[in-house]
Amino acid sequence: QVQLVESGGGLVQPGGSLRLSCAASGFTLDDYAIGWFRQAPGKEREGVSCFSEGSTYYALSVKGRFTISRDNAKNTMYLEMNSLKPEDTAVYYCAAHEGLVFTCGPADFSSWGQGTQVTVSS
């Protein structure tokens, strides 16, 4: 059974950092495209960062501040978030899809984690 479990969310002050983790089970993450998405209250879910077959995408709003990575030995993916802003506040979801993806859109991914809340506030 394919399962993704996020951790690492929380409350952080503006300018602070957080690292989100997403542990995969039931499949080998290395064989999949991976992505991080977020959804703020009243807004649609948006792609934050995705990685597929050597290509990495970052939303313009997070470029230079966020980094997506994967540890194949741990079958875990990460999102390192630095210089956090209040507008980064959202529920963050990890996602995976077997095969290639060509855009970083929610419709491109088939397996999802349960989400973890990130709140940036002083």
N, C-alpha and C. Protein backbone atom coordinates (compact mmCIF):
# COMPACT_ATOMS: atom_id res chain seq x y z
N GLN A 1 0.85 -1.19 0.00
CA GLN A 1 0.00 0.00 0.00
C GLN A 1 0.89 1.24 0.00
N VAL A 2 0.65 2.13 -0.96
CA VAL A 2 1.43 3.35 -1.07
C VAL A 2 1.01 4.31 0.04
N GLN A 3 1.99 4.80 0.78
CA GLN A 3 1.70 5.73 1.85
C GLN A 3 2.79 6.79 1.96
N LEU A 4 2.36 8.04 2.19
CA LEU A 4 3.27 9.15 2.41
C LEU A 4 2.88 9.81 3.73
N VAL A 5 3.87 10.02 4.60
CA VAL A 5 3.60 10.62 5.91
C VAL A 5 4.53 11.81 6.12
N GLU A 6 3.91 13.00 6.24
CA GLU A 6 4.70 14.22 6.44
C GLU A 6 4.95 14.48 7.92
N SER A 7 6.00 15.23 8.16
CA SER A 7 6.31 15.72 9.51
C SER A 7 7.15 16.97 9.38
N GLY A 8 7.27 17.72 10.48
CA GLY A 8 8.16 18.86 10.49
C GLY A 8 7.50 20.22 10.45
N GLY A 9 6.18 20.25 10.30
CA GLY A 9 5.50 21.54 10.29
C GLY A 9 5.49 22.16 11.68
N GLY A 10 5.00 23.41 11.75
CA GLY A 10 4.92 24.07 13.04
C GLY A 10 4.83 25.56 12.90
N LEU A 11 5.03 26.24 14.01
CA LEU A 11 4.99 27.70 14.07
C LEU A 11 6.42 28.24 14.05
N VAL A 12 6.67 29.19 13.19
CA VAL A 12 8.01 29.77 13.07
C VAL A 12 7.87 31.26 12.84
N GLN A 13 8.84 32.03 13.31
CA GLN A 13 8.82 33.47 13.12
C GLN A 13 9.26 33.82 11.71
N PRO A 14 8.82 34.96 11.21
CA PRO A 14 9.31 35.42 9.90
C PRO A 14 10.83 35.46 9.87
N GLY A 15 11.38 34.97 8.75
CA GLY A 15 12.83 34.88 8.62
C GLY A 15 13.40 33.57 9.09
N GLY A 16 12.59 32.77 9.74
CA GLY A 16 13.05 31.48 10.26
C GLY A 16 13.06 30.39 9.21
N SER A 17 13.41 29.19 9.68
CA SER A 17 13.54 28.03 8.78
C SER A 17 12.79 26.83 9.34
N LEU A 18 12.37 25.96 8.44
CA LEU A 18 11.78 24.68 8.79
C LEU A 18 12.19 23.67 7.75
N ARG A 19 12.26 22.41 8.15
CA ARG A 19 12.47 21.35 7.18
C ARG A 19 11.33 20.34 7.31
N LEU A 20 10.61 20.20 6.21
CA LEU A 20 9.53 19.21 6.16
C LEU A 20 10.08 17.88 5.64
N SER A 21 9.60 16.81 6.23
CA SER A 21 9.99 15.47 5.79
C SER A 21 8.74 14.72 5.33
N CYS A 22 8.96 13.79 4.42
CA CYS A 22 7.86 12.96 3.92
C CYS A 22 8.39 11.56 3.72
N ALA A 23 8.01 10.66 4.61
CA ALA A 23 8.48 9.28 4.54
C ALA A 23 7.54 8.45 3.68
N ALA A 24 8.10 7.73 2.74
CA ALA A 24 7.32 6.90 1.83
C ALA A 24 7.39 5.44 2.25
N SER A 25 6.30 4.73 2.08
CA SER A 25 6.28 3.29 2.32
C SER A 25 5.39 2.62 1.27
N GLY A 26 5.70 1.36 0.99
CA GLY A 26 4.92 0.63 0.01
C GLY A 26 5.40 0.80 -1.42
N PHE A 27 6.39 1.65 -1.62
CA PHE A 27 6.97 1.85 -2.95
C PHE A 27 8.34 2.50 -2.78
N THR A 28 9.11 2.47 -3.88
CA THR A 28 10.45 3.06 -3.86
C THR A 28 10.38 4.46 -4.43
N LEU A 29 10.67 5.42 -3.57
CA LEU A 29 10.52 6.82 -3.96
C LEU A 29 11.41 7.19 -5.14
N ASP A 30 12.53 6.52 -5.27
CA ASP A 30 13.49 6.82 -6.34
C ASP A 30 12.87 6.62 -7.72
N ASP A 31 11.87 5.78 -7.83
CA ASP A 31 11.24 5.49 -9.11
C ASP A 31 10.14 6.48 -9.47
N TYR A 32 9.89 7.44 -8.59
CA TYR A 32 8.74 8.31 -8.73
C TYR A 32 9.14 9.77 -8.89
N ALA A 33 8.30 10.52 -9.58
CA ALA A 33 8.36 11.97 -9.51
C ALA A 33 7.86 12.39 -8.13
N ILE A 34 8.45 13.44 -7.58
CA ILE A 34 8.04 13.89 -6.24
C ILE A 34 7.69 15.38 -6.28
N GLY A 35 6.86 15.79 -5.33
CA GLY A 35 6.49 17.18 -5.29
C GLY A 35 6.00 17.62 -3.92
N TRP A 36 6.09 18.91 -3.69
CA TRP A 36 5.53 19.54 -2.49
C TRP A 36 4.51 20.58 -2.95
N PHE A 37 3.40 20.59 -2.29
CA PHE A 37 2.31 21.51 -2.60
C PHE A 37 1.85 22.19 -1.32
N ARG A 38 1.13 23.27 -1.46
CA ARG A 38 0.58 23.92 -0.27
C ARG A 38 -0.79 24.50 -0.58
N GLN A 39 -1.58 24.62 0.48
CA GLN A 39 -2.92 25.19 0.34
C GLN A 39 -3.20 26.08 1.52
N ALA A 40 -3.39 27.35 1.23
CA ALA A 40 -3.74 28.33 2.25
C ALA A 40 -5.26 28.43 2.33
N PRO A 41 -5.80 28.90 3.45
CA PRO A 41 -7.26 29.01 3.59
C PRO A 41 -7.87 29.85 2.47
N GLY A 42 -8.90 29.32 1.85
CA GLY A 42 -9.59 30.04 0.79
C GLY A 42 -8.89 30.06 -0.54
N LYS A 43 -7.77 29.35 -0.65
CA LYS A 43 -7.02 29.33 -1.91
C LYS A 43 -6.91 27.91 -2.44
N GLU A 44 -6.60 27.81 -3.72
CA GLU A 44 -6.41 26.51 -4.34
C GLU A 44 -5.03 25.94 -3.96
N ARG A 45 -4.94 24.63 -4.03
CA ARG A 45 -3.66 23.97 -3.80
C ARG A 45 -2.70 24.34 -4.93
N GLU A 46 -1.47 24.70 -4.57
CA GLU A 46 -0.51 25.12 -5.58
C GLU A 46 0.79 24.33 -5.45
N GLY A 47 1.47 24.17 -6.58
CA GLY A 47 2.75 23.49 -6.58
C GLY A 47 3.84 24.40 -6.04
N VAL A 48 4.59 23.92 -5.08
CA VAL A 48 5.70 24.67 -4.50
C VAL A 48 7.01 24.25 -5.18
N SER A 49 7.23 22.94 -5.26
CA SER A 49 8.44 22.43 -5.88
C SER A 49 8.21 20.99 -6.31
N CYS A 50 8.72 20.64 -7.47
CA CYS A 50 8.59 19.28 -7.99
C CYS A 50 9.90 18.84 -8.62
N PHE A 51 10.12 17.52 -8.62
CA PHE A 51 11.32 16.95 -9.21
C PHE A 51 10.92 15.70 -9.99
N SER A 52 11.38 15.68 -11.25
CA SER A 52 11.07 14.53 -12.10
C SER A 52 12.18 14.33 -13.11
N GLU A 53 12.80 13.15 -13.09
CA GLU A 53 13.83 12.78 -14.07
C GLU A 53 14.89 13.86 -14.26
N GLY A 54 15.42 14.36 -13.15
CA GLY A 54 16.51 15.31 -13.22
C GLY A 54 16.10 16.76 -13.37
N SER A 55 14.83 17.02 -13.54
CA SER A 55 14.36 18.40 -13.68
C SER A 55 13.67 18.85 -12.40
N THR A 56 14.01 20.04 -11.95
CA THR A 56 13.45 20.59 -10.72
C THR A 56 12.70 21.87 -11.03
N TYR A 57 11.52 22.00 -10.43
CA TYR A 57 10.69 23.19 -10.58
C TYR A 57 10.50 23.83 -9.21
N TYR A 58 10.58 25.15 -9.18
CA TYR A 58 10.23 25.91 -7.98
C TYR A 58 9.24 27.01 -8.38
N ALA A 59 8.22 27.18 -7.59
CA ALA A 59 7.35 28.33 -7.78
C ALA A 59 8.16 29.60 -7.60
N LEU A 60 7.80 30.62 -8.34
CA LEU A 60 8.55 31.88 -8.29
C LEU A 60 8.59 32.45 -6.88
N SER A 61 7.53 32.24 -6.14
CA SER A 61 7.42 32.83 -4.80
C SER A 61 8.37 32.19 -3.80
N VAL A 62 8.92 31.00 -4.11
CA VAL A 62 9.80 30.31 -3.16
C VAL A 62 11.20 30.11 -3.71
N LYS A 63 11.42 30.46 -4.94
CA LYS A 63 12.72 30.22 -5.58
C LYS A 63 13.83 30.95 -4.82
N GLY A 64 14.89 30.23 -4.53
CA GLY A 64 16.00 30.80 -3.77
C GLY A 64 15.86 30.65 -2.27
N ARG A 65 14.66 30.27 -1.81
CA ARG A 65 14.41 30.11 -0.37
C ARG A 65 14.14 28.65 0.01
N PHE A 66 13.50 27.91 -0.88
CA PHE A 66 13.12 26.52 -0.61
C PHE A 66 13.98 25.58 -1.45
N THR A 67 14.23 24.39 -0.90
CA THR A 67 15.00 23.37 -1.62
C THR A 67 14.34 22.01 -1.44
N ILE A 68 14.06 21.35 -2.55
CA ILE A 68 13.52 19.99 -2.52
C ILE A 68 14.67 19.00 -2.61
N SER A 69 14.55 17.89 -1.88
CA SER A 69 15.59 16.87 -1.94
C SER A 69 14.99 15.51 -1.61
N ARG A 70 15.80 14.49 -1.82
CA ARG A 70 15.33 13.12 -1.59
C ARG A 70 16.50 12.30 -1.08
N ASP A 71 16.25 11.48 -0.06
CA ASP A 71 17.24 10.54 0.47
C ASP A 71 16.75 9.14 0.13
N ASN A 72 17.34 8.55 -0.90
CA ASN A 72 16.86 7.25 -1.36
C ASN A 72 17.08 6.15 -0.32
N ALA A 73 18.15 6.26 0.46
CA ALA A 73 18.42 5.25 1.48
C ALA A 73 17.34 5.23 2.55
N LYS A 74 16.78 6.40 2.83
CA LYS A 74 15.71 6.51 3.83
C LYS A 74 14.32 6.50 3.21
N ASN A 75 14.28 6.48 1.88
CA ASN A 75 12.99 6.53 1.16
C ASN A 75 12.16 7.71 1.63
N THR A 76 12.81 8.85 1.75
CA THR A 76 12.20 10.05 2.31
C THR A 76 12.53 11.25 1.45
N MET A 77 11.58 12.15 1.30
CA MET A 77 11.79 13.39 0.60
C MET A 77 11.70 14.54 1.59
N TYR A 78 12.29 15.67 1.23
CA TYR A 78 12.37 16.81 2.14
C TYR A 78 12.04 18.10 1.40
N LEU A 79 11.63 19.09 2.19
CA LEU A 79 11.51 20.45 1.70
C LEU A 79 12.15 21.35 2.75
N GLU A 80 13.31 21.89 2.40
CA GLU A 80 14.00 22.82 3.27
C GLU A 80 13.48 24.21 2.96
N MET A 81 12.98 24.90 4.00
CA MET A 81 12.36 26.22 3.81
C MET A 81 13.12 27.24 4.65
N ASN A 82 13.68 28.23 3.99
CA ASN A 82 14.44 29.29 4.67
C ASN A 82 13.80 30.65 4.39
N SER A 83 14.19 31.63 5.19
CA SER A 83 13.68 33.00 5.04
C SER A 83 12.16 33.00 4.91
N LEU A 84 11.51 32.30 5.80
CA LEU A 84 10.06 32.14 5.72
C LEU A 84 9.34 33.46 5.92
N LYS A 85 8.22 33.59 5.20
CA LYS A 85 7.41 34.80 5.22
C LYS A 85 6.00 34.44 5.69
N PRO A 86 5.25 35.40 6.21
CA PRO A 86 3.87 35.11 6.62
C PRO A 86 3.03 34.52 5.48
N GLU A 87 3.31 34.93 4.25
CA GLU A 87 2.54 34.41 3.11
C GLU A 87 2.87 32.96 2.78
N ASP A 88 3.87 32.38 3.43
CA ASP A 88 4.14 30.96 3.27
C ASP A 88 3.25 30.10 4.16
N THR A 89 2.46 30.72 5.01
CA THR A 89 1.56 29.99 5.89
C THR A 89 0.54 29.19 5.08
N ALA A 90 0.47 27.89 5.33
CA ALA A 90 -0.42 27.00 4.59
C ALA A 90 -0.28 25.59 5.15
N VAL A 91 -1.15 24.72 4.69
CA VAL A 91 -0.96 23.28 4.89
C VAL A 91 -0.11 22.79 3.73
N TYR A 92 0.97 22.11 4.06
CA TYR A 92 1.90 21.60 3.05
C TYR A 92 1.69 20.11 2.87
N TYR A 93 1.66 19.68 1.61
CA TYR A 93 1.45 18.28 1.26
C TYR A 93 2.62 17.78 0.41
N CYS A 94 3.05 16.57 0.66
CA CYS A 94 3.97 15.91 -0.25
C CYS A 94 3.17 15.01 -1.17
N ALA A 95 3.73 14.75 -2.35
CA ALA A 95 3.04 13.93 -3.33
C ALA A 95 4.05 13.18 -4.17
N ALA A 96 3.61 12.08 -4.76
CA ALA A 96 4.47 11.27 -5.61
C ALA A 96 3.66 10.71 -6.77
N HIS A 97 4.36 10.45 -7.87
CA HIS A 97 3.68 9.90 -9.04
C HIS A 97 4.65 8.99 -9.77
N GLU A 98 4.19 7.79 -10.11
CA GLU A 98 5.03 6.84 -10.83
C GLU A 98 5.18 7.27 -12.27
N GLY A 99 6.42 7.55 -12.67
CA GLY A 99 6.65 8.01 -14.03
C GLY A 99 6.96 9.49 -14.08
N LEU A 100 6.98 10.01 -15.29
CA LEU A 100 7.34 11.41 -15.50
C LEU A 100 6.15 12.32 -15.24
N VAL A 101 6.46 13.52 -14.78
CA VAL A 101 5.48 14.60 -14.78
C VAL A 101 6.12 15.77 -15.51
N PHE A 102 5.32 16.54 -16.18
CA PHE A 102 5.85 17.64 -17.00
C PHE A 102 5.44 19.00 -16.47
N THR A 103 4.54 19.01 -15.51
CA THR A 103 4.18 20.24 -14.83
C THR A 103 4.11 19.95 -13.33
N CYS A 104 4.11 20.98 -12.55
CA CYS A 104 4.02 20.83 -11.09
C CYS A 104 2.62 21.20 -10.65
N GLY A 105 1.66 20.43 -11.14
CA GLY A 105 0.27 20.68 -10.79
C GLY A 105 -0.30 19.54 -9.98
N PRO A 106 -1.24 19.83 -9.09
CA PRO A 106 -1.82 18.76 -8.27
C PRO A 106 -2.39 17.60 -9.08
N ALA A 107 -2.94 17.90 -10.25
CA ALA A 107 -3.56 16.85 -11.07
C ALA A 107 -2.54 15.86 -11.62
N ASP A 108 -1.25 16.23 -11.58
CA ASP A 108 -0.21 15.36 -12.14
C ASP A 108 0.23 14.28 -11.17
N PHE A 109 -0.19 14.36 -9.91
CA PHE A 109 0.30 13.46 -8.88
C PHE A 109 -0.82 12.58 -8.35
N SER A 110 -0.50 11.32 -8.11
CA SER A 110 -1.52 10.34 -7.76
C SER A 110 -1.51 9.93 -6.28
N SER A 111 -0.41 10.11 -5.59
CA SER A 111 -0.31 9.69 -4.18
C SER A 111 0.02 10.91 -3.33
N TRP A 112 -0.69 11.04 -2.20
CA TRP A 112 -0.60 12.24 -1.38
C TRP A 112 -0.42 11.90 0.09
N GLY A 113 0.32 12.77 0.78
CA GLY A 113 0.38 12.71 2.23
C GLY A 113 -0.83 13.41 2.84
N GLN A 114 -0.90 13.39 4.17
CA GLN A 114 -2.06 13.93 4.86
C GLN A 114 -1.96 15.43 5.10
N GLY A 115 -0.80 16.00 4.92
CA GLY A 115 -0.61 17.43 5.10
C GLY A 115 -0.06 17.78 6.47
N THR A 116 0.72 18.86 6.52
CA THR A 116 1.26 19.35 7.77
C THR A 116 1.18 20.88 7.77
N GLN A 117 0.75 21.44 8.88
CA GLN A 117 0.52 22.89 8.95
C GLN A 117 1.84 23.62 9.18
N VAL A 118 2.05 24.66 8.39
CA VAL A 118 3.17 25.58 8.58
C VAL A 118 2.58 26.96 8.80
N THR A 119 2.93 27.57 9.93
CA THR A 119 2.45 28.90 10.26
C THR A 119 3.65 29.81 10.50
N VAL A 120 3.70 30.90 9.75
CA VAL A 120 4.79 31.87 9.89
C VAL A 120 4.19 33.14 10.47
N SER A 121 4.56 33.41 11.71
CA SER A 121 3.95 34.54 12.41
C SER A 121 4.84 34.95 13.57
N SER A 122 4.82 36.24 13.87
CA SER A 122 5.56 36.74 15.03
C SER A 122 4.65 36.80 16.25
